[in-house]
Amino acid sequence: MFIVYGPKGGEPEHFDARTMRVSETSIAQRTIDRKWDDIAQGVRDEDLECLRVVAWIIKKRSVPTLRFGDFDPLIDELYMRLDKDEVVHWIEGAMAIAAASSDSSADDIRAALSGLPDAALDREHAERMIEEMLADPKDEPDPQPNGENGDETQTSTSSEPSTSSSSAASSDTEPQMSTT
C-alpha cells in the first residue's frame, strides 16, 4: 500500500506504508493519539490524518528536521494507492465472490472491478491483471499437437542411442504406464 503525496506543481512522492519500523509506528501513535491498528485501517480508508502521519514519518527519513506541523498537505495532495500484489488480491477476492454465485460472469466481475485501476499505483498493471486473470479459458490457444505442450511427450529410459528410423510417437504399440 502506497501513500502518494502529490503537491501542486511538484513531483509526486510515493511512501510504502509497509516499510514502517516498530519505533516509527510508536511515533505515529503518539503523534496523532491513535493505536497502530487504527492508523493502518485509516490508511486503507484514506483517513487524511492517518495518511499524513505515515507519509510524514517516512518523509522524515530523508528530511530529519521535518516537523509534523510543517508537513500539512492540501486535502487533494495526499491519497492511497494499491501496490501490484494488492491489485492481484483484489481481483482474486472478486473472483472468489463471483465463484460463490452462479449468476456472475467475467463481465460482471470486470464491471465490479472497474474502479480498481484508478486505485492502483500502476494503472496499466491493474488493467492487464484484470484482463489476464479474467480471461476465458475458451480464448486460450489450443494445445499444440505432437506433445509440444508437454502433455504427450515421451521419453526413453534407455541410455543407448536409438537406431530406429521411426519415432516412438509413430509406433504402433501403446506405451506402458508405470505404476511407480
N, C-alpha and C. Protein backbone atom coordinates (compact mmCIF):
# COMPACT_ATOMS: atom_id res chain seq x y z
N MET A 1 0.85 -1.17 0.00
CA MET A 1 0.00 0.00 0.00
C MET A 1 0.90 1.23 0.00
N PHE A 2 0.63 2.11 -0.93
CA PHE A 2 1.44 3.32 -1.05
C PHE A 2 0.61 4.54 -0.71
N ILE A 3 1.24 5.47 -0.04
CA ILE A 3 0.66 6.78 0.17
C ILE A 3 1.35 7.69 -0.83
N VAL A 4 0.56 8.43 -1.57
CA VAL A 4 1.11 9.34 -2.57
C VAL A 4 0.91 10.76 -2.07
N TYR A 5 2.00 11.51 -2.08
CA TYR A 5 1.95 12.93 -1.78
C TYR A 5 2.25 13.63 -3.09
N GLY A 6 1.22 14.24 -3.66
CA GLY A 6 1.36 14.90 -4.96
C GLY A 6 1.13 16.39 -4.83
N PRO A 7 2.16 17.13 -4.38
CA PRO A 7 1.99 18.57 -4.22
C PRO A 7 1.77 19.26 -5.56
N LYS A 8 0.91 20.24 -5.55
CA LYS A 8 0.64 21.00 -6.78
C LYS A 8 1.94 21.62 -7.29
N GLY A 9 2.21 21.37 -8.58
CA GLY A 9 3.42 21.90 -9.19
C GLY A 9 4.69 21.16 -8.84
N GLY A 10 4.57 20.09 -8.06
CA GLY A 10 5.75 19.32 -7.66
C GLY A 10 5.66 17.88 -8.16
N GLU A 11 6.74 17.18 -7.97
CA GLU A 11 6.82 15.77 -8.36
C GLU A 11 6.16 14.90 -7.27
N PRO A 12 5.26 13.98 -7.64
CA PRO A 12 4.65 13.12 -6.62
C PRO A 12 5.69 12.25 -5.92
N GLU A 13 5.48 12.05 -4.63
CA GLU A 13 6.32 11.17 -3.82
C GLU A 13 5.48 9.98 -3.40
N HIS A 14 6.09 8.79 -3.40
CA HIS A 14 5.40 7.56 -3.02
C HIS A 14 6.02 7.02 -1.74
N PHE A 15 5.16 6.73 -0.76
CA PHE A 15 5.62 6.22 0.52
C PHE A 15 4.99 4.85 0.76
N ASP A 16 5.82 3.82 0.88
CA ASP A 16 5.34 2.46 1.10
C ASP A 16 5.09 2.28 2.59
N ALA A 17 3.82 2.19 2.97
CA ALA A 17 3.45 2.09 4.38
C ALA A 17 3.97 0.81 5.03
N ARG A 18 4.27 -0.21 4.21
CA ARG A 18 4.78 -1.47 4.77
C ARG A 18 6.22 -1.36 5.24
N THR A 19 6.88 -0.26 4.96
CA THR A 19 8.28 -0.12 5.37
C THR A 19 8.41 0.51 6.76
N MET A 20 7.30 0.75 7.41
CA MET A 20 7.34 1.37 8.74
C MET A 20 8.01 0.43 9.74
N ARG A 21 8.86 0.99 10.57
CA ARG A 21 9.51 0.25 11.64
C ARG A 21 8.64 0.37 12.90
N VAL A 22 8.83 -0.55 13.83
CA VAL A 22 8.06 -0.52 15.07
C VAL A 22 8.26 0.81 15.79
N SER A 23 9.50 1.27 15.85
CA SER A 23 9.76 2.55 16.52
C SER A 23 9.01 3.70 15.84
N GLU A 24 8.89 3.61 14.52
CA GLU A 24 8.17 4.66 13.78
C GLU A 24 6.66 4.58 14.04
N THR A 25 6.14 3.35 14.18
CA THR A 25 4.71 3.22 14.48
C THR A 25 4.40 3.81 15.86
N SER A 26 5.35 3.66 16.78
CA SER A 26 5.17 4.25 18.12
C SER A 26 5.10 5.77 18.02
N ILE A 27 5.96 6.34 17.20
CA ILE A 27 5.94 7.80 17.00
C ILE A 27 4.62 8.22 16.36
N ALA A 28 4.15 7.46 15.39
CA ALA A 28 2.87 7.77 14.73
C ALA A 28 1.73 7.72 15.75
N GLN A 29 1.73 6.70 16.60
CA GLN A 29 0.67 6.57 17.61
C GLN A 29 0.65 7.76 18.56
N ARG A 30 1.84 8.14 19.04
CA ARG A 30 1.93 9.28 19.97
C ARG A 30 1.55 10.59 19.27
N THR A 31 1.93 10.71 18.01
CA THR A 31 1.71 11.97 17.30
C THR A 31 0.23 12.26 17.11
N ILE A 32 -0.55 11.26 16.72
CA ILE A 32 -1.97 11.52 16.48
C ILE A 32 -2.88 10.83 17.50
N ASP A 33 -2.30 10.28 18.57
CA ASP A 33 -3.04 9.68 19.68
C ASP A 33 -4.04 8.62 19.21
N ARG A 34 -3.52 7.69 18.39
CA ARG A 34 -4.32 6.56 17.91
C ARG A 34 -3.45 5.32 17.91
N LYS A 35 -4.07 4.16 18.09
CA LYS A 35 -3.36 2.88 18.05
C LYS A 35 -2.96 2.58 16.61
N TRP A 36 -1.88 1.79 16.45
CA TRP A 36 -1.37 1.48 15.12
C TRP A 36 -2.43 0.79 14.25
N ASP A 37 -3.19 -0.13 14.82
CA ASP A 37 -4.23 -0.81 14.02
C ASP A 37 -5.22 0.20 13.45
N ASP A 38 -5.56 1.21 14.23
CA ASP A 38 -6.48 2.25 13.76
C ASP A 38 -5.82 3.08 12.65
N ILE A 39 -4.53 3.35 12.80
CA ILE A 39 -3.81 4.12 11.79
C ILE A 39 -3.72 3.32 10.50
N ALA A 40 -3.37 2.03 10.59
CA ALA A 40 -3.27 1.19 9.40
C ALA A 40 -4.61 1.10 8.68
N GLN A 41 -5.70 0.93 9.45
CA GLN A 41 -7.03 0.90 8.84
C GLN A 41 -7.36 2.27 8.24
N GLY A 42 -6.96 3.30 8.92
CA GLY A 42 -7.20 4.66 8.42
C GLY A 42 -6.49 4.91 7.10
N VAL A 43 -5.30 4.35 6.93
CA VAL A 43 -4.58 4.48 5.66
C VAL A 43 -5.40 3.79 4.56
N ARG A 44 -5.89 2.57 4.84
CA ARG A 44 -6.70 1.85 3.85
C ARG A 44 -7.97 2.63 3.51
N ASP A 45 -8.54 3.31 4.51
CA ASP A 45 -9.77 4.08 4.32
C ASP A 45 -9.52 5.50 3.83
N GLU A 46 -8.26 5.84 3.60
CA GLU A 46 -7.83 7.17 3.17
C GLU A 46 -8.20 8.27 4.17
N ASP A 47 -8.09 7.95 5.45
CA ASP A 47 -8.25 8.94 6.51
C ASP A 47 -7.05 9.88 6.40
N LEU A 48 -7.31 11.15 6.17
CA LEU A 48 -6.23 12.11 5.89
C LEU A 48 -5.22 12.23 7.02
N GLU A 49 -5.68 12.18 8.26
CA GLU A 49 -4.75 12.28 9.39
C GLU A 49 -3.80 11.08 9.41
N CYS A 50 -4.33 9.89 9.11
CA CYS A 50 -3.50 8.68 9.09
C CYS A 50 -2.54 8.71 7.91
N LEU A 51 -3.01 9.13 6.75
CA LEU A 51 -2.13 9.26 5.59
C LEU A 51 -1.01 10.25 5.89
N ARG A 52 -1.37 11.35 6.49
CA ARG A 52 -0.40 12.41 6.78
C ARG A 52 0.69 11.92 7.73
N VAL A 53 0.30 11.24 8.83
CA VAL A 53 1.31 10.85 9.81
C VAL A 53 2.25 9.80 9.24
N VAL A 54 1.74 8.85 8.46
CA VAL A 54 2.62 7.83 7.87
C VAL A 54 3.53 8.46 6.83
N ALA A 55 2.98 9.30 5.97
CA ALA A 55 3.81 9.98 4.96
C ALA A 55 4.88 10.84 5.64
N TRP A 56 4.50 11.55 6.68
CA TRP A 56 5.45 12.41 7.40
C TRP A 56 6.61 11.60 7.98
N ILE A 57 6.28 10.47 8.61
CA ILE A 57 7.33 9.66 9.23
C ILE A 57 8.29 9.13 8.17
N ILE A 58 7.76 8.64 7.06
CA ILE A 58 8.64 8.10 6.02
C ILE A 58 9.43 9.23 5.35
N LYS A 59 8.79 10.36 5.13
CA LYS A 59 9.48 11.52 4.54
C LYS A 59 10.57 12.03 5.49
N LYS A 60 10.35 11.92 6.77
CA LYS A 60 11.30 12.38 7.79
C LYS A 60 12.62 11.60 7.72
N ARG A 61 12.60 10.41 7.14
CA ARG A 61 13.84 9.65 6.99
C ARG A 61 14.84 10.42 6.14
N SER A 62 14.35 11.09 5.11
CA SER A 62 15.26 11.85 4.24
C SER A 62 15.36 13.33 4.64
N VAL A 63 14.41 13.80 5.44
CA VAL A 63 14.43 15.18 5.93
C VAL A 63 14.24 15.12 7.46
N PRO A 64 15.30 14.77 8.20
CA PRO A 64 15.16 14.54 9.65
C PRO A 64 14.62 15.71 10.45
N THR A 65 14.79 16.93 9.97
CA THR A 65 14.32 18.09 10.73
C THR A 65 12.86 18.44 10.45
N LEU A 66 12.19 17.68 9.57
CA LEU A 66 10.79 17.97 9.22
C LEU A 66 9.89 17.73 10.43
N ARG A 67 9.17 18.76 10.83
CA ARG A 67 8.24 18.65 11.95
C ARG A 67 6.85 18.33 11.42
N PHE A 68 6.07 17.62 12.23
CA PHE A 68 4.73 17.22 11.82
C PHE A 68 3.89 18.43 11.44
N GLY A 69 3.97 19.47 12.23
CA GLY A 69 3.21 20.69 11.96
C GLY A 69 3.61 21.37 10.66
N ASP A 70 4.83 21.11 10.20
CA ASP A 70 5.30 21.72 8.95
C ASP A 70 4.93 20.89 7.72
N PHE A 71 4.47 19.67 7.94
CA PHE A 71 4.04 18.81 6.82
C PHE A 71 2.52 18.81 6.84
N ASP A 72 1.93 19.73 6.07
CA ASP A 72 0.49 19.93 6.08
C ASP A 72 -0.03 20.05 4.63
N PRO A 73 -0.09 18.91 3.92
CA PRO A 73 -0.53 18.95 2.52
C PRO A 73 -1.99 19.39 2.39
N LEU A 74 -2.33 19.84 1.20
CA LEU A 74 -3.73 20.12 0.88
C LEU A 74 -4.47 18.77 0.83
N ILE A 75 -5.77 18.79 1.03
CA ILE A 75 -6.52 17.53 1.14
C ILE A 75 -6.47 16.69 -0.13
N ASP A 76 -6.32 17.31 -1.29
CA ASP A 76 -6.28 16.51 -2.52
C ASP A 76 -4.85 16.15 -2.95
N GLU A 77 -3.87 16.47 -2.11
CA GLU A 77 -2.47 16.15 -2.41
C GLU A 77 -2.00 14.85 -1.75
N LEU A 78 -2.85 14.24 -0.94
CA LEU A 78 -2.47 13.05 -0.19
C LEU A 78 -3.53 11.97 -0.40
N TYR A 79 -3.10 10.81 -0.91
CA TYR A 79 -4.05 9.72 -1.17
C TYR A 79 -3.32 8.39 -1.17
N MET A 80 -4.10 7.31 -1.12
CA MET A 80 -3.58 5.96 -1.04
C MET A 80 -3.71 5.28 -2.40
N ARG A 81 -2.73 4.42 -2.73
CA ARG A 81 -2.78 3.61 -3.95
C ARG A 81 -2.34 2.19 -3.62
N LEU A 82 -2.91 1.23 -4.34
CA LEU A 82 -2.60 -0.18 -4.13
C LEU A 82 -1.34 -0.58 -4.88
N ASP A 83 -0.52 -1.44 -4.26
CA ASP A 83 0.65 -1.95 -4.96
C ASP A 83 0.21 -3.13 -5.85
N LYS A 84 1.15 -3.71 -6.58
CA LYS A 84 0.82 -4.77 -7.53
C LYS A 84 0.24 -6.01 -6.86
N ASP A 85 0.80 -6.41 -5.72
CA ASP A 85 0.28 -7.58 -5.01
C ASP A 85 -1.15 -7.34 -4.53
N GLU A 86 -1.40 -6.15 -4.02
CA GLU A 86 -2.75 -5.83 -3.54
C GLU A 86 -3.76 -5.85 -4.67
N VAL A 87 -3.36 -5.37 -5.85
CA VAL A 87 -4.24 -5.42 -7.02
C VAL A 87 -4.64 -6.87 -7.31
N VAL A 88 -3.66 -7.76 -7.33
CA VAL A 88 -3.92 -9.18 -7.60
C VAL A 88 -4.86 -9.75 -6.53
N HIS A 89 -4.65 -9.40 -5.27
CA HIS A 89 -5.50 -9.90 -4.19
C HIS A 89 -6.95 -9.40 -4.35
N TRP A 90 -7.11 -8.15 -4.77
CA TRP A 90 -8.45 -7.62 -5.01
C TRP A 90 -9.15 -8.41 -6.11
N ILE A 91 -8.44 -8.69 -7.18
CA ILE A 91 -9.03 -9.44 -8.29
C ILE A 91 -9.38 -10.85 -7.85
N GLU A 92 -8.46 -11.49 -7.13
CA GLU A 92 -8.73 -12.84 -6.62
C GLU A 92 -9.95 -12.85 -5.71
N GLY A 93 -10.07 -11.84 -4.89
CA GLY A 93 -11.24 -11.73 -3.99
C GLY A 93 -12.53 -11.59 -4.77
N ALA A 94 -12.51 -10.76 -5.79
CA ALA A 94 -13.71 -10.58 -6.63
C ALA A 94 -14.06 -11.88 -7.34
N MET A 95 -13.03 -12.59 -7.80
CA MET A 95 -13.27 -13.86 -8.48
C MET A 95 -13.84 -14.89 -7.51
N ALA A 96 -13.37 -14.91 -6.28
CA ALA A 96 -13.86 -15.86 -5.28
C ALA A 96 -15.33 -15.57 -4.94
N ILE A 97 -15.66 -14.30 -4.81
CA ILE A 97 -17.05 -13.92 -4.53
C ILE A 97 -17.93 -14.32 -5.70
N ALA A 98 -17.47 -14.06 -6.90
CA ALA A 98 -18.24 -14.41 -8.09
C ALA A 98 -18.40 -15.92 -8.24
N ALA A 99 -17.38 -16.68 -7.86
CA ALA A 99 -17.44 -18.13 -7.95
C ALA A 99 -18.51 -18.70 -7.03
N ALA A 100 -18.76 -18.01 -5.92
CA ALA A 100 -19.78 -18.45 -4.98
C ALA A 100 -21.19 -18.18 -5.51
N SER A 101 -21.29 -17.34 -6.51
CA SER A 101 -22.58 -17.01 -7.12
C SER A 101 -22.60 -17.53 -8.54
N SER A 102 -23.55 -18.37 -8.83
CA SER A 102 -23.62 -18.95 -10.18
C SER A 102 -24.10 -17.93 -11.22
N ASP A 103 -24.59 -16.78 -10.77
CA ASP A 103 -25.10 -15.77 -11.69
C ASP A 103 -24.04 -14.82 -12.21
N SER A 104 -22.83 -14.84 -11.67
CA SER A 104 -21.79 -13.88 -12.03
C SER A 104 -20.99 -14.36 -13.24
N SER A 105 -20.73 -13.43 -14.14
CA SER A 105 -19.91 -13.72 -15.32
C SER A 105 -18.63 -12.91 -15.23
N ALA A 106 -17.71 -13.19 -16.15
CA ALA A 106 -16.46 -12.42 -16.20
C ALA A 106 -16.75 -10.95 -16.43
N ASP A 107 -17.77 -10.65 -17.23
CA ASP A 107 -18.14 -9.25 -17.48
C ASP A 107 -18.66 -8.58 -16.21
N ASP A 108 -19.39 -9.35 -15.38
CA ASP A 108 -19.86 -8.81 -14.10
C ASP A 108 -18.69 -8.46 -13.19
N ILE A 109 -17.69 -9.35 -13.18
CA ILE A 109 -16.51 -9.11 -12.35
C ILE A 109 -15.74 -7.90 -12.87
N ARG A 110 -15.59 -7.81 -14.19
CA ARG A 110 -14.92 -6.64 -14.78
C ARG A 110 -15.62 -5.35 -14.37
N ALA A 111 -16.96 -5.38 -14.41
CA ALA A 111 -17.73 -4.19 -14.03
C ALA A 111 -17.50 -3.85 -12.56
N ALA A 112 -17.48 -4.89 -11.72
CA ALA A 112 -17.26 -4.66 -10.29
C ALA A 112 -15.87 -4.11 -10.02
N LEU A 113 -14.90 -4.47 -10.85
CA LEU A 113 -13.52 -4.04 -10.67
C LEU A 113 -13.17 -2.78 -11.49
N SER A 114 -14.16 -2.15 -12.06
CA SER A 114 -13.90 -1.03 -12.97
C SER A 114 -13.14 0.12 -12.31
N GLY A 115 -13.28 0.30 -11.01
CA GLY A 115 -12.57 1.37 -10.33
C GLY A 115 -11.18 0.99 -9.84
N LEU A 116 -10.85 -0.29 -9.93
CA LEU A 116 -9.56 -0.76 -9.41
C LEU A 116 -8.36 -0.10 -10.07
N PRO A 117 -8.33 0.05 -11.39
CA PRO A 117 -7.15 0.72 -11.99
C PRO A 117 -6.90 2.12 -11.43
N ASP A 118 -7.97 2.85 -11.09
CA ASP A 118 -7.79 4.18 -10.53
C ASP A 118 -7.19 4.14 -9.12
N ALA A 119 -7.40 3.04 -8.41
CA ALA A 119 -6.89 2.90 -7.05
C ALA A 119 -5.49 2.30 -7.01
N ALA A 120 -4.99 1.89 -8.17
CA ALA A 120 -3.68 1.24 -8.25
C ALA A 120 -2.57 2.25 -8.51
N LEU A 121 -1.42 2.00 -7.92
CA LEU A 121 -0.26 2.84 -8.20
C LEU A 121 0.16 2.68 -9.66
N ASP A 122 0.06 1.46 -10.18
CA ASP A 122 0.40 1.17 -11.57
C ASP A 122 -0.88 0.78 -12.30
N ARG A 123 -1.51 1.77 -12.91
CA ARG A 123 -2.80 1.59 -13.58
C ARG A 123 -2.73 0.53 -14.68
N GLU A 124 -1.67 0.57 -15.51
CA GLU A 124 -1.55 -0.37 -16.62
C GLU A 124 -1.45 -1.81 -16.11
N HIS A 125 -0.71 -2.01 -15.02
CA HIS A 125 -0.60 -3.34 -14.42
C HIS A 125 -1.98 -3.83 -13.98
N ALA A 126 -2.75 -2.97 -13.33
CA ALA A 126 -4.09 -3.35 -12.87
C ALA A 126 -4.98 -3.74 -14.03
N GLU A 127 -4.96 -2.95 -15.09
CA GLU A 127 -5.78 -3.26 -16.27
C GLU A 127 -5.37 -4.59 -16.88
N ARG A 128 -4.06 -4.81 -16.99
CA ARG A 128 -3.55 -6.05 -17.58
C ARG A 128 -3.91 -7.26 -16.71
N MET A 129 -3.79 -7.12 -15.39
CA MET A 129 -4.11 -8.23 -14.50
C MET A 129 -5.60 -8.58 -14.55
N ILE A 130 -6.44 -7.57 -14.62
CA ILE A 130 -7.88 -7.84 -14.71
C ILE A 130 -8.16 -8.66 -15.97
N GLU A 131 -7.60 -8.25 -17.08
CA GLU A 131 -7.84 -8.98 -18.33
C GLU A 131 -7.23 -10.38 -18.30
N GLU A 132 -6.00 -10.50 -17.80
CA GLU A 132 -5.34 -11.82 -17.76
C GLU A 132 -6.04 -12.77 -16.81
N MET A 133 -6.39 -12.29 -15.64
CA MET A 133 -6.98 -13.17 -14.64
C MET A 133 -8.43 -13.54 -14.96
N LEU A 134 -9.10 -12.70 -15.74
CA LEU A 134 -10.48 -12.98 -16.09
C LEU A 134 -10.62 -13.54 -17.51
N ALA A 135 -9.49 -13.83 -18.14
CA ALA A 135 -9.52 -14.37 -19.50
C ALA A 135 -10.31 -15.67 -19.51
N ASP A 136 -11.18 -15.81 -20.49
CA ASP A 136 -11.98 -17.02 -20.66
C ASP A 136 -11.07 -18.13 -21.16
N PRO A 137 -11.05 -19.27 -20.48
CA PRO A 137 -10.20 -20.37 -20.94
C PRO A 137 -10.48 -20.77 -22.39
N LYS A 138 -11.69 -20.49 -22.88
CA LYS A 138 -12.02 -20.80 -24.27
C LYS A 138 -11.24 -19.90 -25.22
N ASP A 139 -10.77 -18.76 -24.70
CA ASP A 139 -9.99 -17.84 -25.53
C ASP A 139 -8.52 -18.23 -25.59
N GLU A 140 -8.10 -19.19 -24.77
CA GLU A 140 -6.72 -19.63 -24.74
C GLU A 140 -6.40 -20.43 -26.00
N PRO A 141 -5.16 -20.39 -26.47
CA PRO A 141 -4.80 -21.18 -27.65
C PRO A 141 -4.92 -22.67 -27.34
N ASP A 142 -5.28 -23.45 -28.36
CA ASP A 142 -5.40 -24.89 -28.22
C ASP A 142 -4.02 -25.48 -27.98
N PRO A 143 -3.97 -26.60 -27.24
CA PRO A 143 -2.68 -27.26 -27.02
C PRO A 143 -2.06 -27.64 -28.36
N GLN A 144 -0.74 -27.56 -28.43
CA GLN A 144 -0.02 -27.87 -29.66
C GLN A 144 0.01 -29.37 -29.90
N PRO A 145 -0.11 -29.81 -31.13
CA PRO A 145 -0.04 -31.23 -31.43
C PRO A 145 1.38 -31.77 -31.24
N ASN A 146 1.50 -33.09 -31.24
CA ASN A 146 2.79 -33.78 -31.16
C ASN A 146 3.53 -33.50 -29.86
N GLY A 147 2.79 -33.27 -28.78
CA GLY A 147 3.44 -33.14 -27.48
C GLY A 147 4.15 -31.83 -27.25
N GLU A 148 3.94 -30.80 -28.05
CA GLU A 148 4.65 -29.54 -27.86
C GLU A 148 4.22 -28.83 -26.59
N ASN A 149 3.05 -29.19 -26.07
CA ASN A 149 2.62 -28.56 -24.83
C ASN A 149 3.00 -29.37 -23.61
N GLY A 150 3.71 -30.49 -23.80
CA GLY A 150 4.21 -31.28 -22.69
C GLY A 150 3.27 -32.41 -22.28
N ASP A 151 2.04 -32.44 -22.84
CA ASP A 151 1.09 -33.46 -22.43
C ASP A 151 1.40 -34.83 -23.01
N GLU A 152 1.99 -34.89 -24.20
CA GLU A 152 2.19 -36.16 -24.87
C GLU A 152 3.65 -36.52 -25.07
N THR A 153 4.53 -35.82 -24.42
CA THR A 153 5.95 -36.06 -24.61
C THR A 153 6.33 -37.43 -24.06
N GLN A 154 7.05 -38.18 -24.87
CA GLN A 154 7.51 -39.49 -24.44
C GLN A 154 9.02 -39.43 -24.29
N THR A 155 9.50 -40.10 -23.27
CA THR A 155 10.95 -40.12 -23.05
C THR A 155 11.43 -41.56 -23.02
N SER A 156 12.64 -41.74 -23.41
CA SER A 156 13.24 -43.06 -23.42
C SER A 156 13.99 -43.26 -22.11
N THR A 157 13.91 -44.47 -21.58
CA THR A 157 14.64 -44.77 -20.36
C THR A 157 15.98 -45.41 -20.67
N SER A 158 16.22 -45.66 -21.93
CA SER A 158 17.47 -46.30 -22.33
C SER A 158 18.54 -45.25 -22.52
N SER A 159 19.77 -45.59 -22.13
CA SER A 159 20.87 -44.66 -22.36
C SER A 159 21.52 -44.94 -23.71
N GLU A 160 21.06 -45.98 -24.41
CA GLU A 160 21.59 -46.31 -25.73
C GLU A 160 20.95 -45.40 -26.77
N PRO A 161 21.69 -44.94 -27.76
CA PRO A 161 21.09 -44.14 -28.81
C PRO A 161 20.12 -45.00 -29.62
N SER A 162 19.08 -44.37 -30.10
CA SER A 162 18.07 -45.07 -30.89
C SER A 162 18.61 -45.35 -32.28
N THR A 163 18.35 -46.57 -32.74
CA THR A 163 18.76 -46.94 -34.10
C THR A 163 17.55 -47.07 -35.00
N SER A 164 16.36 -46.80 -34.44
CA SER A 164 15.14 -46.93 -35.22
C SER A 164 14.98 -45.73 -36.13
N SER A 165 14.44 -45.96 -37.33
CA SER A 165 14.20 -44.86 -38.24
C SER A 165 12.85 -44.21 -37.97
N SER A 166 12.04 -44.82 -37.09
CA SER A 166 10.75 -44.23 -36.76
C SER A 166 10.79 -43.73 -35.33
N SER A 167 9.99 -42.73 -35.06
CA SER A 167 9.98 -42.16 -33.72
C SER A 167 9.04 -42.96 -32.83
N ALA A 168 9.18 -42.82 -31.54
CA ALA A 168 8.32 -43.51 -30.59
C ALA A 168 6.88 -43.05 -30.73
N ALA A 169 6.69 -41.80 -31.13
CA ALA A 169 5.34 -41.27 -31.26
C ALA A 169 4.60 -41.94 -32.42
N SER A 170 5.31 -42.48 -33.41
CA SER A 170 4.64 -43.10 -34.54
C SER A 170 4.57 -44.61 -34.41
N SER A 171 4.96 -45.15 -33.28
CA SER A 171 4.95 -46.59 -33.06
C SER A 171 3.53 -47.11 -32.97
N ASP A 172 3.33 -48.37 -33.38
CA ASP A 172 2.01 -48.98 -33.33
C ASP A 172 1.65 -49.47 -31.94
N THR A 173 2.60 -49.54 -31.04
CA THR A 173 2.32 -50.05 -29.70
C THR A 173 2.12 -48.88 -28.74
N GLU A 174 1.21 -49.08 -27.81
CA GLU A 174 0.94 -48.05 -26.81
C GLU A 174 2.02 -48.12 -25.73
N PRO A 175 2.49 -46.99 -25.23
CA PRO A 175 3.49 -47.02 -24.16
C PRO A 175 2.88 -47.59 -22.89
N GLN A 176 3.67 -48.30 -22.12
CA GLN A 176 3.22 -48.88 -20.86
C GLN A 176 3.28 -47.80 -19.77
N MET A 177 2.23 -47.65 -19.00
CA MET A 177 2.19 -46.69 -17.93
C MET A 177 2.86 -47.29 -16.70
N SER A 178 3.69 -46.54 -16.06
CA SER A 178 4.36 -47.00 -14.86
C SER A 178 3.44 -46.85 -13.66
N THR A 179 3.51 -47.77 -12.74
CA THR A 179 2.72 -47.67 -11.51
C THR A 179 3.58 -47.25 -10.34
N THR A 180 4.82 -46.88 -10.60
CA THR A 180 5.70 -46.44 -9.52
C THR A 180 5.86 -44.97 -9.51
